[in-house]
Amino acid sequence: MRTLFIMAAFFSSLTRLFGAADAAPRYKTVPIYDDLRSQALAISADLAGAKKEDEVYAVLMETGYPEAVATLVSARDGSASLYYSSGGGTIGAGGHAGPNAASKKLVTMAASFLKHLTKTEKSPLPKEGFTRFYFVTRSGLFTAEAREEDLGESLLPLSPLFHAAHELIHEITLIDAKEPKKG
């Protein structure tokens, strides 16, 4: 019995040191976030404004932070939104020229990164400190996850896509800064 306890403690320590391979993020999400995210992951090619030749027609980039997940949604027609699992965000930023152009650029360049993603039926949130991409395509949903820091430091093949997504986030924040505050 003591041996089992020692082994369990040993493996528990290893898990804390190196992280569990399949450790699920433990974010609490609000219902509106869950609904918006589900809609984005299941968007149709027509609704995203895809042309016949567009394999990738929507991109989601999600980053896990200690307090919440930030989800960036970009569609082929230039639609763009940024929202948070804890609530809040910006919906409809693609109605402005800057975010619209950055969104179109992101989705267009995503096709060349499809080879770095894997087809999936599941859509988990990223782990804290990680960024997960989802590509919505005519062939289904594709995903990849990497450490945010590695993407940001241009250490991975998906880094250029990460930087393009951050250009879109920057354009969205410029719109938010210009909008008058209510209340």
Foldseek 3Di string as FASTA:
>chain_A
DVVVVVVVVVVVVVCVVPNDPPDAADAQFDPVVVVVVVCLQPPDCVVLVHDPPQFFFKKWKWAAAPHWIWIWIAGLQQFIWIATRHGDTGGRLSVDDQSSVLSNVLRVVVVVVQVVWAADPDDGHDHHQKMKMWTQGPVHITMDMDGPVCLCVVNDPCNVSVVSSVSSVVSSVVVVVPDDDDD
